Amino acid sequence: MLFSDPLSASFAYRLDQIADAYTPLLLLIALLDLALRWRAGDKLHGLKLLYAILVVYGWMFVDNRFQLWHSLGLDYSTHTAAALALVMCIALRKRLAVKCVLSVSLVLYGGLMSLLSYHTWPDMIVTASLIALCFAPVLLLRARSGSTSWAAS
């Protein structure tokens, strides 16, 4: 364990609780955002969230089946994938300040996962890169079509 004395173990337990609460909190925010967007007329935002879930867990399934990350000496970080996908869904059509806060929270979450030995930075970076790459065509399609439903304003 990373922390051996009782005070440090208690601190590690608190950090673990924070890490465990991060993704559920993002999911709650994403669902509230979904409801608000639905009421505002963005009926397709639910599909964006569904796409995010399919990407995250689709890659988890692929990795479990074919051991892609393991073959690189890495571990697929479902924590990172889910958090990044939710952050990207929440950040769509938000102001720059909101995007910055979400980005900083994601980096801090990565630091916390590293500190608690959930995943290594390479695990998280490779996973995040793939998830971001999966969202790139959607964002490019939106930019090309001029639609405002997918991207940030």
C-alpha atoms as a PDB file:
ATOM      1  CA  MET A   1       0.000   0.000   0.000  1.00  0.00           C
ATOM      2  CA  LEU A   2       1.135   3.509  -0.743  1.00  0.00           C
ATOM      3  CA  PHE A   3       0.547   4.794   2.804  1.00  0.00           C
ATOM      4  CA  SER A   4       1.713   2.726   5.779  1.00  0.00           C
ATOM      5  CA  ASP A   5       1.135   4.691   8.993  1.00  0.00           C
ATOM      6  CA  PRO A   6      -2.440   5.055  10.377  1.00  0.00           C
ATOM      7  CA  LEU A   7      -2.738   8.766   9.576  1.00  0.00           C
ATOM      8  CA  SER A   8      -1.521   8.171   6.042  1.00  0.00           C
ATOM      9  CA  ALA A   9      -3.783   5.135   5.664  1.00  0.00           C
ATOM     10  CA  SER A  10      -6.725   7.269   6.763  1.00  0.00           C
ATOM     11  CA  PHE A  11      -5.710   9.956   4.279  1.00  0.00           C
ATOM     12  CA  ALA A  12      -5.396   7.335   1.523  1.00  0.00           C
ATOM     13  CA  TYR A  13      -8.871   6.045   2.385  1.00  0.00           C
ATOM     14  CA  ARG A  14     -10.300   9.563   2.010  1.00  0.00           C
ATOM     15  CA  LEU A  15      -8.504  10.019  -1.316  1.00  0.00           C
ATOM     16  CA  ASP A  16      -9.884   6.658  -2.447  1.00  0.00           C
ATOM     17  CA  GLN A  17     -13.409   7.817  -1.566  1.00  0.00           C
ATOM     18  CA  ILE A  18     -12.902  11.002  -3.592  1.00  0.00           C
ATOM     19  CA  ALA A  19     -11.613   8.998  -6.561  1.00  0.00           C
ATOM     20  CA  ASP A  20     -14.547   6.591  -6.304  1.00  0.00           C
ATOM     21  CA  ALA A  21     -17.030   9.494  -6.250  1.00  0.00           C
ATOM     22  CA  TYR A  22     -15.617  11.368  -9.263  1.00  0.00           C
ATOM     23  CA  THR A  23     -17.147   9.353 -12.128  1.00  0.00           C
ATOM     24  CA  PRO A  24     -20.571   8.928 -10.483  1.00  0.00           C
ATOM     25  CA  LEU A  25     -20.607  12.695  -9.891  1.00  0.00           C
ATOM     26  CA  LEU A  26     -19.787  13.278 -13.565  1.00  0.00           C
ATOM     27  CA  LEU A  27     -22.564  10.867 -14.536  1.00  0.00           C
ATOM     28  CA  LEU A  28     -25.042  12.749 -12.356  1.00  0.00           C
ATOM     29  CA  ILE A  29     -23.984  16.052 -13.942  1.00  0.00           C
ATOM     30  CA  ALA A  30     -24.239  14.499 -17.422  1.00  0.00           C
ATOM     31  CA  LEU A  31     -27.754  13.229 -16.708  1.00  0.00           C
ATOM     32  CA  LEU A  32     -28.853  16.612 -15.343  1.00  0.00           C
ATOM     33  CA  ASP A  33     -27.308  18.257 -18.399  1.00  0.00           C
ATOM     34  CA  LEU A  34     -29.181  15.760 -20.592  1.00  0.00           C
ATOM     35  CA  ALA A  35     -32.478  16.714 -18.955  1.00  0.00           C
ATOM     36  CA  LEU A  36     -31.781  20.434 -19.367  1.00  0.00           C
ATOM     37  CA  ARG A  37     -30.769  20.023 -22.992  1.00  0.00           C
ATOM     38  CA  TRP A  38     -33.842  17.893 -23.671  1.00  0.00           C
ATOM     39  CA  ARG A  39     -36.061  20.645 -22.269  1.00  0.00           C
ATOM     40  CA  ALA A  40     -34.167  23.196 -24.391  1.00  0.00           C
ATOM     41  CA  GLY A  41     -34.895  21.202 -27.543  1.00  0.00           C
ATOM     42  CA  ASP A  42     -31.678  19.197 -28.002  1.00  0.00           C
ATOM     43  CA  LYS A  43     -33.383  15.829 -28.380  1.00  0.00           C
ATOM     44  CA  LEU A  44     -30.234  14.177 -29.778  1.00  0.00           C
ATOM     45  CA  HIS A  45     -27.978  14.774 -26.778  1.00  0.00           C
ATOM     46  CA  GLY A  46     -29.055  11.441 -25.315  1.00  0.00           C
ATOM     47  CA  LEU A  47     -27.566   9.745 -28.371  1.00  0.00           C
ATOM     48  CA  LYS A  48     -24.275  11.512 -27.703  1.00  0.00           C
ATOM     49  CA  LEU A  49     -24.223  10.152 -24.168  1.00  0.00           C
ATOM     50  CA  LEU A  50     -25.169   6.682 -25.406  1.00  0.00           C
ATOM     51  CA  TYR A  51     -22.370   6.873 -27.991  1.00  0.00           C
ATOM     52  CA  ALA A  52     -19.915   7.792 -25.224  1.00  0.00           C
ATOM     53  CA  ILE A  53     -20.983   4.782 -23.146  1.00  0.00           C
ATOM     54  CA  LEU A  54     -20.732   2.457 -26.144  1.00  0.00           C
ATOM     55  CA  VAL A  55     -17.232   3.715 -26.969  1.00  0.00           C
ATOM     56  CA  VAL A  56     -15.962   3.329 -23.387  1.00  0.00           C
ATOM     57  CA  TYR A  57     -17.379  -0.112 -22.765  1.00  0.00           C
ATOM     58  CA  GLY A  58     -16.883  -1.264 -26.354  1.00  0.00           C
ATOM     59  CA  TRP A  59     -13.147  -0.697 -26.010  1.00  0.00           C
ATOM     60  CA  MET A  60     -13.191  -2.346 -22.593  1.00  0.00           C
ATOM     61  CA  PHE A  61     -14.785  -5.417 -24.198  1.00  0.00           C
ATOM     62  CA  VAL A  62     -12.256  -5.377 -27.067  1.00  0.00           C
ATOM     63  CA  ASP A  63      -9.378  -5.090 -24.613  1.00  0.00           C
ATOM     64  CA  ASN A  64     -10.723  -7.882 -22.413  1.00  0.00           C
ATOM     65  CA  ARG A  65     -11.149 -10.100 -25.462  1.00  0.00           C
ATOM     66  CA  PHE A  66      -7.884  -9.337 -27.286  1.00  0.00           C
ATOM     67  CA  GLN A  67      -5.625  -8.042 -24.475  1.00  0.00           C
ATOM     68  CA  LEU A  68      -4.479  -5.053 -26.584  1.00  0.00           C
ATOM     69  CA  TRP A  69      -3.276  -2.937 -23.669  1.00  0.00           C
ATOM     70  CA  HIS A  70      -1.665  -5.942 -21.995  1.00  0.00           C
ATOM     71  CA  SER A  71       0.317  -6.638 -25.177  1.00  0.00           C
ATOM     72  CA  LEU A  72       1.779  -3.135 -24.775  1.00  0.00           C
ATOM     73  CA  GLY A  73       2.503  -3.667 -21.079  1.00  0.00           C
ATOM     74  CA  LEU A  74      -0.433  -1.412 -20.148  1.00  0.00           C
ATOM     75  CA  ASP A  75      -3.883  -1.637 -18.593  1.00  0.00           C
ATOM     76  CA  TYR A  76      -7.044  -0.234 -20.214  1.00  0.00           C
ATOM     77  CA  SER A  77      -8.266   2.424 -17.799  1.00  0.00           C
ATOM     78  CA  THR A  78     -12.034   2.247 -17.715  1.00  0.00           C
ATOM     79  CA  HIS A  79     -11.857   4.960 -15.030  1.00  0.00           C
ATOM     80  CA  THR A  80     -10.113   7.306 -17.460  1.00  0.00           C
ATOM     81  CA  ALA A  81     -12.252   6.346 -20.434  1.00  0.00           C
ATOM     82  CA  ALA A  82     -15.548   6.870 -18.603  1.00  0.00           C
ATOM     83  CA  ALA A  83     -14.443  10.117 -16.985  1.00  0.00           C
ATOM     84  CA  LEU A  84     -13.141  11.562 -20.263  1.00  0.00           C
ATOM     85  CA  ALA A  85     -16.235  10.529 -22.217  1.00  0.00           C
ATOM     86  CA  LEU A  86     -18.518  12.093 -19.603  1.00  0.00           C
ATOM     87  CA  VAL A  87     -16.419  15.264 -19.477  1.00  0.00           C
ATOM     88  CA  MET A  88     -16.605  15.555 -23.259  1.00  0.00           C
ATOM     89  CA  CYS A  89     -20.385  15.086 -23.228  1.00  0.00           C
ATOM     90  CA  ILE A  90     -20.833  17.656 -20.469  1.00  0.00           C
ATOM     91  CA  ALA A  91     -18.448  20.121 -22.123  1.00  0.00           C
ATOM     92  CA  LEU A  92     -20.332  20.177 -25.416  1.00  0.00           C
ATOM     93  CA  ARG A  93     -21.814  23.631 -25.989  1.00  0.00           C
ATOM     94  CA  LYS A  94     -20.405  24.998 -22.732  1.00  0.00           C
ATOM     95  CA  ARG A  95     -18.408  28.168 -22.143  1.00  0.00           C
ATOM     96  CA  LEU A  96     -14.631  28.051 -22.105  1.00  0.00           C
ATOM     97  CA  ALA A  97     -14.517  28.512 -18.315  1.00  0.00           C
ATOM     98  CA  VAL A  98     -16.634  25.378 -17.787  1.00  0.00           C
ATOM     99  CA  LYS A  99     -14.429  23.434 -20.208  1.00  0.00           C
ATOM    100  CA  CYS A 100     -11.328  24.576 -18.310  1.00  0.00           C
ATOM    101  CA  VAL A 101     -12.755  23.507 -14.939  1.00  0.00           C
ATOM    102  CA  LEU A 102     -13.738  20.124 -16.370  1.00  0.00           C
ATOM    103  CA  SER A 103     -10.290  19.681 -17.934  1.00  0.00           C
ATOM    104  CA  VAL A 104      -8.483  20.562 -14.716  1.00  0.00           C
ATOM    105  CA  SER A 105     -10.712  18.180 -12.753  1.00  0.00           C
ATOM    106  CA  LEU A 106      -9.871  15.406 -15.194  1.00  0.00           C
ATOM    107  CA  VAL A 107      -6.121  15.992 -14.885  1.00  0.00           C
ATOM    108  CA  LEU A 108      -6.420  16.076 -11.081  1.00  0.00           C
ATOM    109  CA  TYR A 109      -8.378  12.821 -11.229  1.00  0.00           C
ATOM    110  CA  GLY A 110      -5.548  11.325 -13.279  1.00  0.00           C
ATOM    111  CA  GLY A 111      -3.080  12.463 -10.646  1.00  0.00           C
ATOM    112  CA  LEU A 112      -5.220  10.926  -7.933  1.00  0.00           C
ATOM    113  CA  MET A 113      -5.481   7.625  -9.819  1.00  0.00           C
ATOM    114  CA  SER A 114      -1.705   7.611 -10.254  1.00  0.00           C
ATOM    115  CA  LEU A 115      -1.114   8.437  -6.576  1.00  0.00           C
ATOM    116  CA  LEU A 116      -3.454   5.653  -5.494  1.00  0.00           C
ATOM    117  CA  SER A 117      -1.889   3.246  -8.017  1.00  0.00           C
ATOM    118  CA  TYR A 118      -5.173   2.650  -9.851  1.00  0.00           C
ATOM    119  CA  HIS A 119      -3.397   3.177 -13.180  1.00  0.00           C
ATOM    120  CA  THR A 120      -0.124   4.502 -14.514  1.00  0.00           C
ATOM    121  CA  TRP A 121       0.109   7.693 -16.558  1.00  0.00           C
ATOM    122  CA  PRO A 122       0.852   5.671 -19.718  1.00  0.00           C
ATOM    123  CA  ASP A 123      -2.305   3.571 -19.075  1.00  0.00           C
ATOM    124  CA  MET A 124      -4.363   6.731 -18.785  1.00  0.00           C
ATOM    125  CA  ILE A 125      -2.759   8.602 -21.694  1.00  0.00           C
ATOM    126  CA  VAL A 126      -3.147   5.727 -24.166  1.00  0.00           C
ATOM    127  CA  THR A 127      -6.741   5.134 -23.064  1.00  0.00           C
ATOM    128  CA  ALA A 128      -7.633   8.838 -23.175  1.00  0.00           C
ATOM    129  CA  SER A 129      -6.027   9.240 -26.602  1.00  0.00           C
ATOM    130  CA  LEU A 130      -8.112   6.428 -28.040  1.00  0.00           C
ATOM    131  CA  ILE A 131     -11.347   7.722 -26.505  1.00  0.00           C
ATOM    132  CA  ALA A 132     -10.631  11.236 -27.781  1.00  0.00           C
ATOM    133  CA  LEU A 133      -9.839   9.806 -31.214  1.00  0.00           C
ATOM    134  CA  CYS A 134     -13.216   8.046 -31.226  1.00  0.00           C
ATOM    135  CA  PHE A 135     -14.915  11.393 -30.617  1.00  0.00           C
ATOM    136  CA  ALA A 136     -12.896  13.265 -33.269  1.00  0.00           C
ATOM    137  CA  PRO A 137     -14.976  12.156 -36.282  1.00  0.00           C
ATOM    138  CA  VAL A 138     -18.139  13.265 -34.534  1.00  0.00           C
ATOM    139  CA  LEU A 139     -16.669  16.691 -33.827  1.00  0.00           C
ATOM    140  CA  LEU A 140     -15.275  16.977 -37.351  1.00  0.00           C
ATOM    141  CA  LEU A 141     -18.629  15.995 -38.824  1.00  0.00           C
ATOM    142  CA  ARG A 142     -20.282  18.680 -36.728  1.00  0.00           C
ATOM    143  CA  ALA A 143     -17.756  21.321 -37.791  1.00  0.00           C
ATOM    144  CA  ARG A 144     -18.114  20.359 -41.447  1.00  0.00           C
ATOM    145  CA  SER A 145     -21.905  20.405 -41.386  1.00  0.00           C
ATOM    146  CA  GLY A 146     -22.084  23.649 -39.431  1.00  0.00           C
ATOM    147  CA  SER A 147     -24.480  22.066 -36.955  1.00  0.00           C
ATOM    148  CA  THR A 148     -24.318  23.348 -33.393  1.00  0.00           C
ATOM    149  CA  SER A 149     -25.786  20.276 -31.771  1.00  0.00           C
ATOM    150  CA  TRP A 150     -22.466  18.413 -31.292  1.00  0.00           C
ATOM    151  CA  ALA A 151     -19.894  21.002 -30.556  1.00  0.00           C
ATOM    152  CA  ALA A 152     -19.143  23.754 -28.180  1.00  0.00           C
ATOM    153  CA  SER A 153     -20.222  27.283 -28.764  1.00  0.00           C
END
